[in-house]
N, C-alpha and C. Protein backbone atom coordinates (compact mmCIF):
# COMPACT_ATOMS: atom_id res chain seq x y z
N UNK A 1 0.85 -1.18 0.00
CA UNK A 1 0.00 0.00 0.00
C UNK A 1 0.89 1.24 0.00
N UNK A 2 0.56 2.20 -0.82
CA UNK A 2 1.31 3.44 -0.88
C UNK A 2 1.12 4.23 0.42
N UNK A 3 2.17 4.94 0.85
CA UNK A 3 2.05 5.71 2.10
C UNK A 3 0.85 6.66 2.13
N UNK A 4 0.59 7.34 1.02
CA UNK A 4 -0.56 8.26 0.99
C UNK A 4 -1.87 7.51 1.17
N UNK A 5 -1.96 6.33 0.57
CA UNK A 5 -3.17 5.51 0.70
C UNK A 5 -3.33 5.02 2.13
N UNK A 6 -2.23 4.58 2.75
CA UNK A 6 -2.27 4.11 4.14
C UNK A 6 -2.68 5.25 5.07
N UNK A 7 -2.13 6.44 4.83
CA UNK A 7 -2.45 7.59 5.67
C UNK A 7 -3.93 7.96 5.55
N UNK A 8 -4.46 7.94 4.33
CA UNK A 8 -5.87 8.25 4.11
C UNK A 8 -6.76 7.21 4.78
N UNK A 9 -6.38 5.94 4.67
CA UNK A 9 -7.16 4.87 5.29
C UNK A 9 -7.16 5.03 6.81
N UNK A 10 -5.98 5.37 7.37
CA UNK A 10 -5.90 5.59 8.81
C UNK A 10 -6.75 6.75 9.26
N UNK A 11 -6.73 7.85 8.51
CA UNK A 11 -7.54 9.02 8.84
C UNK A 11 -9.03 8.69 8.79
N UNK A 12 -9.44 7.94 7.78
CA UNK A 12 -10.85 7.56 7.65
C UNK A 12 -11.26 6.66 8.81
N UNK A 13 -10.40 5.71 9.16
CA UNK A 13 -10.69 4.80 10.27
C UNK A 13 -10.82 5.58 11.57
N UNK A 14 -9.91 6.51 11.81
CA UNK A 14 -9.99 7.34 13.02
C UNK A 14 -11.29 8.14 13.04
N UNK A 15 -11.68 8.71 11.91
CA UNK A 15 -12.91 9.50 11.87
C UNK A 15 -14.14 8.64 12.12
N UNK A 16 -14.15 7.42 11.61
CA UNK A 16 -15.26 6.50 11.88
C UNK A 16 -15.37 6.22 13.38
N UNK A 17 -14.21 6.07 14.05
CA UNK A 17 -14.24 5.83 15.50
C UNK A 17 -14.71 7.07 16.25
N UNK A 18 -14.28 8.24 15.83
CA UNK A 18 -14.76 9.49 16.44
C UNK A 18 -16.27 9.59 16.29
N UNK A 19 -16.79 9.31 15.11
CA UNK A 19 -18.23 9.37 14.89
C UNK A 19 -18.97 8.39 15.81
N UNK A 20 -18.40 7.19 15.98
CA UNK A 20 -18.99 6.19 16.88
C UNK A 20 -19.00 6.70 18.32
N UNK A 21 -17.88 7.26 18.77
CA UNK A 21 -17.83 7.79 20.12
C UNK A 21 -18.84 8.91 20.33
N UNK A 22 -18.92 9.83 19.39
CA UNK A 22 -19.87 10.93 19.50
C UNK A 22 -21.31 10.42 19.59
N UNK A 23 -21.62 9.39 18.82
CA UNK A 23 -22.98 8.83 18.82
C UNK A 23 -23.27 8.05 20.10
N UNK A 24 -22.23 7.77 20.89
CA UNK A 24 -22.41 6.95 22.08
C UNK A 24 -21.98 7.65 23.37
N UNK A 25 -22.06 8.97 23.40
CA UNK A 25 -21.90 9.68 24.65
C UNK A 25 -20.62 10.47 24.86
N UNK A 26 -19.74 10.54 23.86
CA UNK A 26 -18.53 11.35 23.98
C UNK A 26 -18.59 12.46 22.93
N UNK A 27 -19.39 13.51 23.19
CA UNK A 27 -19.63 14.55 22.19
C UNK A 27 -18.40 15.37 21.81
N UNK A 28 -17.36 15.35 22.64
CA UNK A 28 -16.18 16.16 22.36
C UNK A 28 -15.05 15.38 21.69
N UNK A 29 -15.32 14.13 21.35
CA UNK A 29 -14.29 13.31 20.69
C UNK A 29 -13.90 13.94 19.36
N UNK A 30 -12.59 13.92 19.08
CA UNK A 30 -12.08 14.44 17.82
C UNK A 30 -10.72 13.81 17.53
N UNK A 31 -10.36 13.80 16.27
CA UNK A 31 -9.05 13.28 15.89
C UNK A 31 -7.97 14.21 16.43
N UNK A 32 -6.92 13.62 16.93
CA UNK A 32 -5.80 14.39 17.47
C UNK A 32 -4.72 14.50 16.40
N UNK A 33 -4.05 15.63 16.34
CA UNK A 33 -2.96 15.82 15.40
C UNK A 33 -1.75 14.98 15.81
N UNK A 34 -0.99 14.53 14.84
CA UNK A 34 0.20 13.74 15.11
C UNK A 34 1.20 14.56 15.92
N UNK A 35 1.90 13.87 16.84
CA UNK A 35 2.87 14.57 17.69
C UNK A 35 4.21 13.85 17.73
N UNK A 36 4.46 12.92 16.84
CA UNK A 36 5.74 12.23 16.78
C UNK A 36 6.02 11.44 18.05
N UNK A 37 7.21 11.62 18.60
CA UNK A 37 7.64 10.88 19.79
C UNK A 37 6.73 11.17 20.98
N UNK A 38 6.16 12.36 21.04
CA UNK A 38 5.29 12.75 22.16
C UNK A 38 3.82 12.44 21.89
N UNK A 39 3.55 11.50 20.98
CA UNK A 39 2.18 11.15 20.62
C UNK A 39 1.39 10.74 21.85
N UNK A 40 0.15 11.24 21.94
CA UNK A 40 -0.73 10.96 23.08
C UNK A 40 -1.97 10.19 22.66
N UNK A 41 -1.89 9.50 21.52
CA UNK A 41 -3.03 8.73 21.03
C UNK A 41 -3.68 9.42 19.85
N UNK A 42 -4.66 8.74 19.26
CA UNK A 42 -5.29 9.23 18.04
C UNK A 42 -6.52 10.09 18.27
N UNK A 43 -7.14 9.97 19.44
CA UNK A 43 -8.41 10.63 19.69
C UNK A 43 -8.30 11.49 20.94
N UNK A 44 -8.77 12.72 20.85
CA UNK A 44 -8.87 13.62 22.00
C UNK A 44 -10.35 13.76 22.37
N UNK A 45 -10.62 14.36 23.50
CA UNK A 45 -12.01 14.61 23.90
C UNK A 45 -12.63 13.52 24.74
N UNK A 46 -11.83 12.57 25.19
CA UNK A 46 -12.26 11.52 26.12
C UNK A 46 -11.35 11.65 27.34
N UNK A 47 -11.65 12.59 28.24
CA UNK A 47 -10.72 12.91 29.34
C UNK A 47 -10.29 11.68 30.14
N UNK A 48 -8.98 11.58 30.35
CA UNK A 48 -8.43 10.50 31.14
C UNK A 48 -8.26 9.19 30.42
N UNK A 49 -8.56 9.17 29.12
CA UNK A 49 -8.49 7.93 28.34
C UNK A 49 -7.65 8.16 27.10
N UNK A 50 -6.67 7.29 26.88
CA UNK A 50 -5.85 7.34 25.68
C UNK A 50 -6.42 6.33 24.69
N UNK A 51 -6.65 6.79 23.46
CA UNK A 51 -7.25 5.95 22.43
C UNK A 51 -6.32 5.84 21.23
N UNK A 52 -6.00 4.63 20.86
CA UNK A 52 -5.21 4.34 19.66
C UNK A 52 -6.14 3.59 18.70
N UNK A 53 -6.21 4.02 17.45
CA UNK A 53 -7.10 3.42 16.46
C UNK A 53 -6.25 2.75 15.38
N UNK A 54 -6.60 1.50 15.06
CA UNK A 54 -5.86 0.75 14.05
C UNK A 54 -6.80 0.11 13.05
N UNK A 55 -6.39 0.13 11.80
CA UNK A 55 -7.08 -0.61 10.77
C UNK A 55 -6.45 -2.00 10.76
N UNK A 56 -7.22 -3.00 11.12
CA UNK A 56 -6.65 -4.31 11.40
C UNK A 56 -6.57 -5.27 10.25
N UNK A 57 -6.21 -4.80 9.05
CA UNK A 57 -6.01 -5.73 7.94
C UNK A 57 -4.90 -6.70 8.31
N UNK A 58 -3.93 -6.23 9.09
CA UNK A 58 -2.84 -7.07 9.60
C UNK A 58 -2.78 -6.81 11.10
N UNK A 59 -3.02 -7.84 11.90
CA UNK A 59 -3.05 -7.69 13.36
C UNK A 59 -1.63 -7.76 13.91
N UNK A 60 -1.26 -6.76 14.72
CA UNK A 60 0.05 -6.72 15.35
C UNK A 60 -0.13 -6.21 16.79
N UNK A 61 -0.79 -7.03 17.61
CA UNK A 61 -1.15 -6.58 18.96
C UNK A 61 0.05 -6.18 19.81
N UNK A 62 1.14 -6.92 19.73
CA UNK A 62 2.30 -6.60 20.58
C UNK A 62 2.80 -5.19 20.29
N UNK A 63 2.94 -4.85 19.02
CA UNK A 63 3.40 -3.50 18.65
C UNK A 63 2.37 -2.46 19.06
N UNK A 64 1.11 -2.74 18.80
CA UNK A 64 0.05 -1.78 19.12
C UNK A 64 -0.04 -1.53 20.62
N UNK A 65 0.09 -2.57 21.43
CA UNK A 65 -0.01 -2.39 22.87
C UNK A 65 1.21 -1.64 23.42
N UNK A 66 2.38 -1.87 22.84
CA UNK A 66 3.56 -1.09 23.24
C UNK A 66 3.35 0.38 22.88
N UNK A 67 2.80 0.63 21.70
CA UNK A 67 2.50 2.00 21.29
C UNK A 67 1.51 2.65 22.24
N UNK A 68 0.46 1.91 22.60
CA UNK A 68 -0.54 2.42 23.54
C UNK A 68 0.10 2.76 24.89
N UNK A 69 0.96 1.88 25.39
CA UNK A 69 1.61 2.13 26.67
C UNK A 69 2.43 3.42 26.63
N UNK A 70 3.20 3.62 25.55
CA UNK A 70 3.97 4.86 25.41
C UNK A 70 3.05 6.07 25.35
N UNK A 71 1.95 5.96 24.62
CA UNK A 71 1.02 7.09 24.49
C UNK A 71 0.31 7.38 25.81
N UNK A 72 -0.02 6.33 26.57
CA UNK A 72 -0.62 6.55 27.89
C UNK A 72 0.35 7.29 28.80
N UNK A 73 1.63 6.95 28.72
CA UNK A 73 2.65 7.67 29.51
C UNK A 73 2.73 9.12 29.06
N UNK A 74 2.75 9.36 27.74
CA UNK A 74 2.80 10.73 27.22
C UNK A 74 1.56 11.53 27.58
N UNK A 75 0.41 10.84 27.62
CA UNK A 75 -0.87 11.49 27.89
C UNK A 75 -1.17 11.57 29.39
N UNK A 76 -0.30 10.94 30.20
CA UNK A 76 -0.46 10.91 31.66
C UNK A 76 -1.82 10.34 32.06
N UNK A 77 -2.18 9.20 31.44
CA UNK A 77 -3.43 8.52 31.78
C UNK A 77 -3.12 7.11 32.25
N UNK A 78 -4.06 6.53 33.00
CA UNK A 78 -3.90 5.13 33.39
C UNK A 78 -5.01 4.27 32.79
N UNK A 79 -5.75 4.83 31.83
CA UNK A 79 -6.76 4.08 31.08
C UNK A 79 -6.51 4.33 29.61
N UNK A 80 -6.52 3.25 28.85
CA UNK A 80 -6.35 3.37 27.40
C UNK A 80 -6.75 2.09 26.72
N UNK A 81 -7.00 2.19 25.44
CA UNK A 81 -7.36 1.00 24.66
C UNK A 81 -7.00 1.22 23.20
N UNK A 82 -6.91 0.10 22.50
CA UNK A 82 -6.70 0.11 21.06
C UNK A 82 -8.02 -0.30 20.41
N UNK A 83 -8.57 0.56 19.57
CA UNK A 83 -9.77 0.23 18.79
C UNK A 83 -9.28 -0.34 17.46
N UNK A 84 -9.73 -1.55 17.14
CA UNK A 84 -9.26 -2.26 15.95
C UNK A 84 -10.40 -2.43 14.96
N UNK A 85 -10.18 -1.94 13.74
CA UNK A 85 -11.16 -2.10 12.67
C UNK A 85 -10.81 -3.39 11.90
N UNK A 86 -11.54 -4.49 12.13
CA UNK A 86 -11.26 -5.72 11.39
C UNK A 86 -11.54 -5.53 9.91
N UNK A 87 -10.77 -6.20 9.10
CA UNK A 87 -10.94 -6.12 7.65
C UNK A 87 -12.38 -6.50 7.29
N UNK A 88 -12.99 -5.68 6.45
CA UNK A 88 -14.34 -5.96 5.98
C UNK A 88 -15.44 -5.53 6.92
N UNK A 89 -15.11 -4.78 7.97
CA UNK A 89 -16.14 -4.32 8.91
C UNK A 89 -16.10 -2.79 9.02
N UNK A 90 -16.81 -2.10 8.14
CA UNK A 90 -16.77 -0.64 8.16
C UNK A 90 -17.57 -0.02 9.31
N UNK A 91 -18.51 -0.77 9.92
CA UNK A 91 -19.34 -0.25 11.00
C UNK A 91 -18.55 -0.32 12.31
N UNK A 92 -18.27 0.83 12.90
CA UNK A 92 -17.44 0.89 14.11
C UNK A 92 -18.04 0.08 15.26
N UNK A 93 -19.32 -0.11 15.29
CA UNK A 93 -19.94 -0.93 16.32
C UNK A 93 -19.56 -2.40 16.23
N UNK A 94 -18.97 -2.80 15.12
CA UNK A 94 -18.52 -4.18 14.92
C UNK A 94 -17.02 -4.35 15.16
N UNK A 95 -16.36 -3.30 15.59
CA UNK A 95 -14.92 -3.35 15.79
C UNK A 95 -14.59 -3.97 17.15
N UNK A 96 -13.30 -4.17 17.39
CA UNK A 96 -12.83 -4.74 18.64
C UNK A 96 -12.04 -3.68 19.41
N UNK A 97 -12.05 -3.80 20.72
CA UNK A 97 -11.22 -2.94 21.56
C UNK A 97 -10.36 -3.84 22.44
N UNK A 98 -9.09 -3.51 22.53
CA UNK A 98 -8.13 -4.28 23.31
C UNK A 98 -7.56 -3.37 24.39
N UNK A 99 -7.59 -3.86 25.64
CA UNK A 99 -7.07 -3.06 26.74
C UNK A 99 -6.04 -3.89 27.52
N UNK A 100 -5.07 -3.22 28.12
CA UNK A 100 -4.11 -3.94 28.95
C UNK A 100 -4.83 -4.58 30.16
N UNK A 101 -4.36 -5.75 30.58
CA UNK A 101 -4.99 -6.48 31.68
C UNK A 101 -5.12 -5.64 32.96
N UNK A 102 -4.10 -4.89 33.37
CA UNK A 102 -4.26 -4.08 34.59
C UNK A 102 -5.37 -3.03 34.46
N UNK A 103 -5.56 -2.50 33.27
CA UNK A 103 -6.63 -1.53 33.05
C UNK A 103 -7.99 -2.23 33.19
N UNK A 104 -8.12 -3.40 32.60
CA UNK A 104 -9.37 -4.16 32.72
C UNK A 104 -9.70 -4.44 34.18
N UNK A 105 -8.73 -4.94 34.94
CA UNK A 105 -8.96 -5.27 36.35
C UNK A 105 -9.40 -4.03 37.12
N UNK A 106 -8.71 -2.92 36.90
CA UNK A 106 -9.05 -1.68 37.61
C UNK A 106 -10.47 -1.21 37.26
N UNK A 107 -10.81 -1.23 35.98
CA UNK A 107 -12.14 -0.80 35.55
C UNK A 107 -13.22 -1.70 36.13
N UNK A 108 -12.98 -3.00 36.14
CA UNK A 108 -13.97 -3.93 36.70
C UNK A 108 -14.16 -3.69 38.20
N UNK A 109 -13.06 -3.48 38.91
CA UNK A 109 -13.15 -3.20 40.36
C UNK A 109 -13.91 -1.90 40.61
N UNK A 110 -13.60 -0.87 39.79
CA UNK A 110 -14.29 0.43 39.96
C UNK A 110 -15.77 0.32 39.62
N UNK A 111 -16.13 -0.65 38.77
CA UNK A 111 -17.53 -0.86 38.43
C UNK A 111 -18.25 -1.71 39.47
N UNK A 112 -17.53 -2.17 40.49
CA UNK A 112 -18.16 -2.90 41.58
C UNK A 112 -18.03 -4.41 41.49
N UNK A 113 -17.23 -4.91 40.61
CA UNK A 113 -17.06 -6.37 40.49
C UNK A 113 -16.01 -6.86 41.43
């Protein structure tokens, strides 16, 4: 895939996730501008949560989770997830979200489990 094509696909995927978030209670969600080494995730407007969005034609969870961990550190958050767009699923409600195990445990405990 050409770099310009990959960049456009990534931007479209991020916008689809923003639209999904807005439709489901995060009205201030928006795409975040690239920040290089100081990247804080792909989506802003979800206070306290770092969001990384990936088009999952090729799954690379280890790399994505390392990227999320770095972005959570840059964003100074302890909650974050990777939203994955599986190939052939344009509807964001059909996508997957992957979170680090410590984040899952903390969220479940805070929810009363």
